[in-house]
Amino acid sequence: MKKLNKYILIGITSLILICPFLIPITKAQEWTFDGVDTTNIPWFSVYPSEEYVFSATMSPGTLGIVEIVSGNITDPGPGNGTVVWGNMYEWNIISGEKTLQVTNFFICYWNESIGYMSTGPGFLIPVENDGKVSSRILNNVTTSLAPMLASLGLDAYQVYPSLYSIAFWNTTNDEYFHLNYTDDGILSQWESDIPSGPGNLTLYSQPAQLTPVFSFTGEGDTLIVNSTDFKIETTITDADNNNDGVTDTDYLFRILNGSTWTSWAAPVSLLDWDLGSVAAGNYTITMEVKNMYGVTQEQVTFEYKPPEVDGDGDGDGDGIISGYPIFLISMVAILGISIVIYRYRKKLRI
């Protein structure tokens, strides 16, 4: 890693250099990864286990990965606030090797009454209850970062709320530093023109944060069943919604049974299902599958078509004599025909 003599290394390298020197902070009330029950860290759009990947002009051939480990309410000095913690990896895109650089480092802090703190200019900034960055938050982040950037000679700044962007510059020369964010508070790009500075940083990839995509049908891809007791075949589309490089496996499902939902359970590829005592016809089954980002609901209509028992093709039983087995009726019919033939042949002999 390159050393910077005059300036704070803004970005991934700065995090690697600065974090080991942070004073340990006692944590409490943590938000950690908990499968489908994982929630976003309050005041932020990120979820534990997610990975955000960045590319930097000063480090060609490598990418930086910020893994969100946890969040908690704690006091790093100014007062209790929400703190986000993470791990830092360096990813050699030529060899594919990922190297853990820093564990459990302080990413940022937020208390709406006190303000914003971060390790280096913020890779992550807070959001409002609607999950979006507001002008209020941008202004607060800007005033919090201003003293550090002023020490680098960037003594002026401007906030652009509609662009989720902050600009810092030197009023006597052409040096500048721009921070651009997504609407949910993730650093999308920074541009800088500072002698011996860190260059530019760009968000390379981020979590999709999507609810499950799935489908279901009868076993063998059929929607017509001849028994009220049949198997449902469920397929969940492979996805990596937290961008950690591993296909998601944390799902739960449930089915609406009449007016009552079944309990949440781990999905199975084939599920035994019973429509109960019902007549022939169409029946709609509602299923929900959830991951930590939310719930997806799908509905499928099955046609219950009982097996033929009358031979006339409509399955209504009107092709037989009510109350008598088909076998008995058939034997009686054969016997009747035999008697007619016998009498006819006997008549011919006379």
Protein backbone atom coordinates (compact mmCIF):
# COMPACT_ATOMS: atom_id res chain seq x y z
CA MET A 1 0.00 0.00 0.00
CA LYS A 2 1.21 3.48 -0.84
CA LYS A 3 1.90 5.99 1.90
CA LEU A 4 0.65 9.51 1.79
CA ASN A 5 2.81 12.12 3.52
CA LYS A 6 0.70 15.27 3.47
CA TYR A 7 -2.84 14.13 3.06
CA ILE A 8 -5.19 11.75 4.76
CA LEU A 9 -5.71 8.87 2.34
CA ILE A 10 -9.35 9.25 1.46
CA GLY A 11 -10.99 5.92 0.76
CA ILE A 12 -10.16 2.31 1.15
CA THR A 13 -6.47 2.77 1.81
CA SER A 14 -7.21 5.43 4.41
CA LEU A 15 -9.48 3.04 6.23
CA ILE A 16 -6.76 0.39 6.28
CA LEU A 17 -4.18 2.82 7.64
CA ILE A 18 -6.33 4.65 10.17
CA CYS A 19 -8.48 1.89 11.66
CA PRO A 20 -5.78 0.02 13.58
CA PHE A 21 -5.16 3.18 15.60
CA LEU A 22 -8.75 3.75 16.65
CA ILE A 23 -9.49 3.56 20.35
CA PRO A 24 -11.55 0.43 21.10
CA ILE A 25 -15.18 1.22 21.78
CA THR A 26 -17.44 -0.87 23.99
CA LYS A 27 -20.46 -2.00 22.01
CA ALA A 28 -24.05 -2.54 23.09
CA GLN A 29 -27.41 -3.33 21.46
CA GLU A 30 -25.97 -4.81 18.30
CA TRP A 31 -27.59 -5.50 14.93
CA THR A 32 -25.88 -8.50 13.37
CA PHE A 33 -26.59 -11.02 10.62
CA ASP A 34 -29.52 -13.25 11.59
CA GLY A 35 -30.59 -15.01 8.40
CA VAL A 36 -34.00 -13.94 7.11
CA ASP A 37 -34.56 -11.96 10.30
CA THR A 38 -31.62 -9.63 9.58
CA THR A 39 -32.65 -5.97 9.50
CA ASN A 40 -30.96 -2.87 8.21
CA ILE A 41 -28.91 -0.91 10.72
CA PRO A 42 -31.08 1.96 12.03
CA TRP A 43 -30.49 5.28 10.24
CA PHE A 44 -28.62 3.49 7.44
CA SER A 45 -29.62 1.51 4.36
CA VAL A 46 -27.08 -1.27 4.88
CA TYR A 47 -27.59 -4.77 6.30
CA PRO A 48 -25.02 -6.90 8.15
CA SER A 49 -23.28 -9.39 5.80
CA GLU A 50 -23.46 -7.06 2.77
CA GLU A 51 -20.38 -6.26 0.72
CA TYR A 52 -19.70 -3.03 -1.18
CA VAL A 53 -16.91 -3.07 -3.75
CA PHE A 54 -14.90 -0.02 -4.84
CA SER A 55 -12.27 0.66 -7.48
CA ALA A 56 -9.58 3.32 -7.06
CA THR A 57 -7.40 4.97 -9.70
CA MET A 58 -4.43 4.80 -7.33
CA SER A 59 -4.69 0.99 -7.04
CA PRO A 60 -5.02 -0.49 -10.54
CA GLY A 61 -5.60 -4.21 -10.59
CA THR A 62 -7.15 -4.29 -7.13
CA LEU A 63 -10.54 -3.57 -5.67
CA GLY A 64 -11.51 -2.74 -2.12
CA ILE A 65 -14.35 -4.55 -0.37
CA VAL A 66 -16.18 -3.12 2.62
CA GLU A 67 -18.15 -5.81 4.44
CA ILE A 68 -20.88 -4.63 6.79
CA VAL A 69 -20.42 -6.62 9.99
CA SER A 70 -22.75 -5.01 12.52
CA GLY A 71 -24.28 -1.87 13.93
CA ASN A 72 -24.85 -0.77 17.49
CA ILE A 73 -25.83 2.08 19.77
CA THR A 74 -22.72 3.25 21.57
CA ASP A 75 -20.76 6.33 22.61
CA PRO A 76 -17.47 6.86 20.73
CA GLY A 77 -16.96 10.18 22.52
CA PRO A 78 -19.59 12.82 21.78
CA GLY A 79 -22.56 10.78 23.03
CA ASN A 80 -24.65 7.74 22.19
CA GLY A 81 -25.33 7.23 18.52
CA THR A 82 -25.65 4.57 15.83
CA VAL A 83 -22.29 3.15 14.77
CA VAL A 84 -21.63 0.93 11.75
CA TRP A 85 -18.75 -1.57 11.88
CA GLY A 86 -17.10 -3.45 9.05
CA ASN A 87 -14.30 -5.58 7.66
CA MET A 88 -11.98 -4.46 4.88
CA TYR A 89 -10.66 -6.71 2.11
CA GLU A 90 -8.29 -6.14 -0.79
CA TRP A 91 -9.32 -8.06 -3.92
CA ASN A 92 -6.74 -8.79 -6.59
CA ILE A 93 -8.91 -9.01 -9.69
CA ILE A 94 -6.14 -10.71 -11.69
CA SER A 95 -5.51 -13.61 -9.31
CA GLY A 96 -8.94 -13.49 -7.68
CA GLU A 97 -7.34 -13.51 -4.24
CA LYS A 98 -9.12 -11.65 -1.46
CA THR A 99 -7.05 -10.57 1.52
CA LEU A 100 -8.54 -9.47 4.81
CA GLN A 101 -6.90 -6.16 5.76
CA VAL A 102 -8.81 -4.85 8.76
CA THR A 103 -11.43 -6.45 10.98
CA ASN A 104 -14.29 -4.79 12.81
CA PHE A 105 -13.31 -1.22 12.02
CA PHE A 106 -15.34 1.91 12.75
CA ILE A 107 -17.06 2.99 9.50
CA CYS A 108 -19.25 5.84 10.72
CA TYR A 109 -21.39 7.28 13.51
CA TRP A 110 -24.65 9.22 13.50
CA ASN A 111 -26.67 11.07 16.08
CA GLU A 112 -29.11 13.54 14.55
CA SER A 113 -28.63 15.93 17.48
CA ILE A 114 -24.85 15.65 17.65
CA GLY A 115 -23.81 14.99 14.07
CA TYR A 116 -21.81 12.64 11.86
CA MET A 117 -18.39 11.03 12.28
CA SER A 118 -16.52 8.69 9.96
CA THR A 119 -13.16 7.11 9.28
CA GLY A 120 -12.10 9.33 6.39
CA PRO A 121 -14.73 11.11 4.29
CA GLY A 122 -17.86 9.03 4.50
CA PHE A 123 -18.25 5.90 2.46
CA LEU A 124 -21.67 5.63 4.10
CA ILE A 125 -24.03 8.38 5.27
CA PRO A 126 -27.39 8.24 7.10
CA VAL A 127 -30.86 8.17 5.58
CA GLU A 128 -34.27 9.30 6.78
CA ASN A 129 -37.15 6.96 7.71
CA ASP A 130 -38.09 6.64 4.05
CA GLY A 131 -34.65 5.19 3.28
CA LYS A 132 -33.49 8.28 1.36
CA VAL A 133 -30.83 10.90 1.99
CA SER A 134 -32.30 14.31 2.83
CA SER A 135 -30.95 17.87 2.54
CA ARG A 136 -30.80 17.97 6.34
CA ILE A 137 -28.52 14.95 6.45
CA LEU A 138 -26.32 16.17 3.59
CA ASN A 139 -25.82 19.49 5.32
CA ASN A 140 -24.98 17.81 8.60
CA VAL A 141 -22.47 15.45 6.96
CA THR A 142 -20.89 18.38 5.11
CA THR A 143 -20.32 20.48 8.21
CA SER A 144 -18.94 17.42 10.00
CA LEU A 145 -16.40 16.69 7.24
CA ALA A 146 -15.47 20.33 6.59
CA PRO A 147 -12.80 20.71 9.34
CA MET A 148 -10.85 17.67 8.13
CA LEU A 149 -10.95 18.77 4.49
CA ALA A 150 -10.11 22.36 5.47
CA SER A 151 -6.87 20.98 6.90
CA LEU A 152 -6.07 19.85 3.36
CA GLY A 153 -6.63 23.38 2.05
CA LEU A 154 -10.20 22.86 0.86
CA ASP A 155 -11.77 25.80 2.63
CA ALA A 156 -15.06 26.15 0.74
CA TYR A 157 -17.94 23.77 0.17
CA GLN A 158 -21.37 23.46 -1.42
CA VAL A 159 -24.19 20.93 -1.04
CA TYR A 160 -26.27 19.76 -4.03
CA PRO A 161 -29.28 17.97 -2.47
CA SER A 162 -30.98 16.95 -5.73
CA LEU A 163 -27.77 15.23 -6.84
CA TYR A 164 -26.89 13.80 -3.42
CA SER A 165 -23.54 15.46 -3.88
CA ILE A 166 -21.07 17.55 -1.83
CA ALA A 167 -18.26 19.66 -3.29
CA PHE A 168 -15.20 20.98 -1.43
CA TRP A 169 -12.60 23.24 -3.07
CA ASN A 170 -9.76 25.65 -2.48
CA THR A 171 -10.74 29.25 -3.21
CA THR A 172 -7.23 30.23 -4.34
CA ASN A 173 -6.39 27.40 -6.72
CA ASP A 174 -8.04 24.60 -8.67
CA GLU A 175 -7.87 21.90 -6.01
CA TYR A 176 -11.21 20.21 -5.29
CA PHE A 177 -12.84 17.16 -3.76
CA HIS A 178 -16.33 15.93 -4.74
CA LEU A 179 -18.43 13.32 -2.93
CA ASN A 180 -21.36 11.75 -4.81
CA TYR A 181 -23.85 9.44 -3.15
CA THR A 182 -26.70 7.17 -4.12
CA ASP A 183 -30.13 8.22 -2.87
CA ASP A 184 -29.79 5.63 -0.09
CA GLY A 185 -26.51 6.99 1.25
CA ILE A 186 -23.81 4.84 -0.40
CA LEU A 187 -20.76 6.58 -1.83
CA SER A 188 -21.04 6.18 -5.60
CA GLN A 189 -18.01 8.23 -6.62
CA TRP A 190 -15.54 10.73 -5.42
CA GLU A 191 -13.34 12.87 -7.58
CA SER A 192 -10.34 14.77 -6.33
CA ASP A 193 -7.66 17.04 -7.71
CA ILE A 194 -5.22 17.35 -4.82
CA PRO A 195 -1.44 17.08 -5.18
CA SER A 196 -0.31 13.63 -3.99
CA GLY A 197 -3.97 12.89 -3.29
CA PRO A 198 -5.80 9.58 -3.54
CA GLY A 199 -7.25 10.05 -7.03
CA ASN A 200 -10.77 8.93 -7.79
CA LEU A 201 -12.90 6.22 -6.21
CA THR A 202 -15.93 4.57 -7.83
CA LEU A 203 -18.56 2.19 -6.54
CA TYR A 204 -17.87 -1.01 -8.49
CA SER A 205 -20.72 -3.20 -7.22
CA GLN A 206 -23.28 -3.17 -4.44
CA PRO A 207 -26.01 -5.43 -3.03
CA ALA A 208 -29.18 -5.75 -5.09
CA GLN A 209 -31.26 -5.90 -1.88
CA LEU A 210 -34.12 -7.66 -3.69
CA THR A 211 -36.86 -9.87 -2.30
CA PRO A 212 -36.92 -13.50 -3.51
CA VAL A 213 -37.85 -14.47 -7.06
CA PHE A 214 -39.62 -17.82 -7.08
CA SER A 215 -42.28 -19.91 -8.80
CA PHE A 216 -44.28 -23.00 -7.95
CA THR A 217 -46.38 -25.58 -9.76
CA GLY A 218 -47.55 -29.16 -9.40
CA GLU A 219 -44.95 -31.93 -9.49
CA GLY A 220 -43.81 -32.42 -13.06
CA ASP A 221 -44.77 -28.87 -14.02
CA THR A 222 -48.49 -29.56 -14.08
CA LEU A 223 -51.43 -27.40 -13.04
CA ILE A 224 -54.00 -30.19 -13.40
CA VAL A 225 -54.26 -32.70 -10.55
CA ASN A 226 -56.48 -35.77 -10.27
CA SER A 227 -56.22 -36.04 -6.51
CA THR A 228 -56.83 -33.53 -3.74
CA ASP A 229 -53.55 -34.77 -2.25
CA PHE A 230 -50.64 -33.79 -4.49
CA LYS A 231 -47.12 -32.35 -4.42
CA ILE A 232 -46.15 -28.71 -4.97
CA GLU A 233 -42.80 -28.13 -6.66
CA THR A 234 -41.13 -24.83 -5.69
CA THR A 235 -38.19 -23.18 -7.46
CA ILE A 236 -36.31 -20.19 -6.01
CA THR A 237 -34.14 -18.35 -8.51
CA ASP A 238 -30.46 -18.28 -7.55
CA ALA A 239 -29.37 -14.82 -6.40
CA ASP A 240 -26.65 -13.03 -4.45
CA ASN A 241 -28.68 -10.18 -3.03
CA ASN A 242 -26.13 -9.13 -0.40
CA ASN A 243 -23.25 -9.15 -2.92
CA ASP A 244 -21.01 -11.40 -0.81
CA GLY A 245 -20.15 -13.70 -3.71
CA VAL A 246 -22.21 -16.60 -2.35
CA THR A 247 -25.61 -17.75 -3.61
CA ASP A 248 -28.31 -16.91 -1.07
CA THR A 249 -29.71 -19.79 0.97
CA ASP A 250 -31.56 -18.03 3.79
CA TYR A 251 -35.24 -18.27 2.89
CA LEU A 252 -38.51 -19.12 4.62
CA PHE A 253 -41.91 -19.85 3.07
CA ARG A 254 -45.54 -20.19 4.05
CA ILE A 255 -48.86 -21.00 2.32
CA LEU A 256 -52.33 -19.57 2.83
CA ASN A 257 -54.51 -22.46 3.97
CA GLY A 258 -58.07 -21.18 3.73
CA SER A 259 -57.95 -18.01 5.79
CA THR A 260 -54.92 -19.04 7.88
CA TRP A 261 -51.25 -18.93 6.97
CA THR A 262 -49.05 -21.90 7.75
CA SER A 263 -46.04 -21.25 9.98
CA TRP A 264 -42.86 -19.98 8.32
CA ALA A 265 -40.59 -22.90 7.44
CA ALA A 266 -37.50 -23.68 5.39
CA PRO A 267 -38.41 -24.25 1.72
CA VAL A 268 -38.46 -27.76 0.29
CA SER A 269 -38.33 -28.65 -3.39
CA LEU A 270 -41.42 -30.89 -3.10
CA LEU A 271 -44.19 -30.15 -0.63
CA ASP A 272 -47.15 -32.43 0.13
CA TRP A 273 -50.40 -30.48 -0.10
CA ASP A 274 -54.04 -31.48 0.41
CA LEU A 275 -56.96 -29.47 -0.92
CA GLY A 276 -59.28 -31.28 1.46
CA SER A 277 -62.77 -32.54 0.62
CA VAL A 278 -63.60 -30.48 -2.42
CA ALA A 279 -65.47 -30.92 -5.68
CA ALA A 280 -63.90 -30.81 -9.10
CA GLY A 281 -62.88 -27.27 -10.11
CA ASN A 282 -60.20 -24.60 -9.94
CA TYR A 283 -58.41 -23.76 -6.69
CA THR A 284 -55.90 -20.95 -6.13
CA ILE A 285 -52.95 -21.49 -3.82
CA THR A 286 -51.06 -18.49 -2.39
CA MET A 287 -47.44 -18.86 -1.32
CA GLU A 288 -44.98 -16.39 0.19
CA VAL A 289 -41.18 -16.63 0.33
CA LYS A 290 -39.07 -14.20 2.32
CA ASN A 291 -35.43 -13.26 2.76
CA MET A 292 -33.91 -10.49 4.87
CA TYR A 293 -34.99 -7.87 2.32
CA GLY A 294 -38.68 -8.68 2.38
CA VAL A 295 -41.48 -10.97 1.17
CA THR A 296 -42.57 -12.02 -2.32
CA GLN A 297 -46.06 -13.46 -2.88
CA GLU A 298 -47.16 -15.64 -5.81
CA GLN A 299 -50.51 -17.26 -6.64
CA VAL A 300 -51.13 -20.31 -8.83
CA THR A 301 -54.49 -21.82 -9.83
CA PHE A 302 -54.73 -25.61 -9.95
CA GLU A 303 -57.52 -27.54 -11.65
CA TYR A 304 -58.72 -30.49 -9.64
CA LYS A 305 -60.05 -33.10 -12.06
CA PRO A 306 -61.09 -36.34 -10.35
CA PRO A 307 -60.32 -39.65 -12.14
CA GLU A 308 -62.95 -40.87 -14.65
CA VAL A 309 -65.34 -43.39 -13.14
CA ASP A 310 -68.22 -43.43 -15.68
CA GLY A 311 -66.48 -43.72 -19.02
CA ASP A 312 -68.41 -40.91 -20.70
CA GLY A 313 -65.60 -38.36 -20.35
CA ASP A 314 -67.23 -35.82 -18.07
CA GLY A 315 -66.42 -37.36 -14.71
CA ASP A 316 -69.91 -36.73 -13.35
CA GLY A 317 -70.90 -40.34 -12.87
CA ASP A 318 -73.99 -40.17 -15.10
CA GLY A 319 -72.66 -42.92 -17.37
CA ILE A 320 -73.33 -45.64 -14.77
CA ILE A 321 -76.33 -46.85 -12.79
CA SER A 322 -76.16 -45.15 -9.44
CA GLY A 323 -75.40 -47.45 -6.53
CA TYR A 324 -73.93 -50.38 -8.52
CA PRO A 325 -70.27 -51.15 -9.18
CA ILE A 326 -69.11 -50.93 -12.80
CA PHE A 327 -67.88 -54.57 -12.68
CA LEU A 328 -71.31 -55.88 -11.64
CA ILE A 329 -73.09 -53.83 -14.28
CA SER A 330 -70.67 -55.09 -16.92
CA MET A 331 -71.21 -58.75 -15.92
CA VAL A 332 -74.96 -58.34 -16.03
CA ALA A 333 -74.71 -56.74 -19.47
CA ILE A 334 -72.50 -59.56 -20.78
CA LEU A 335 -74.83 -62.18 -19.33
CA GLY A 336 -77.82 -60.49 -20.93
CA ILE A 337 -76.14 -60.43 -24.34
CA SER A 338 -75.15 -64.07 -23.97
CA ILE A 339 -78.74 -65.08 -23.25
CA VAL A 340 -80.02 -63.19 -26.28
CA ILE A 341 -77.44 -64.86 -28.55
CA TYR A 342 -78.24 -68.30 -27.10
CA ARG A 343 -81.95 -67.91 -27.71
CA TYR A 344 -81.35 -66.61 -31.22
CA ARG A 345 -79.12 -69.56 -32.11
CA LYS A 346 -81.64 -71.98 -30.61
CA LYS A 347 -84.38 -70.48 -32.71
CA LEU A 348 -82.33 -70.97 -35.84
CA ARG A 349 -82.03 -74.70 -35.19
CA ILE A 350 -85.79 -75.17 -35.03
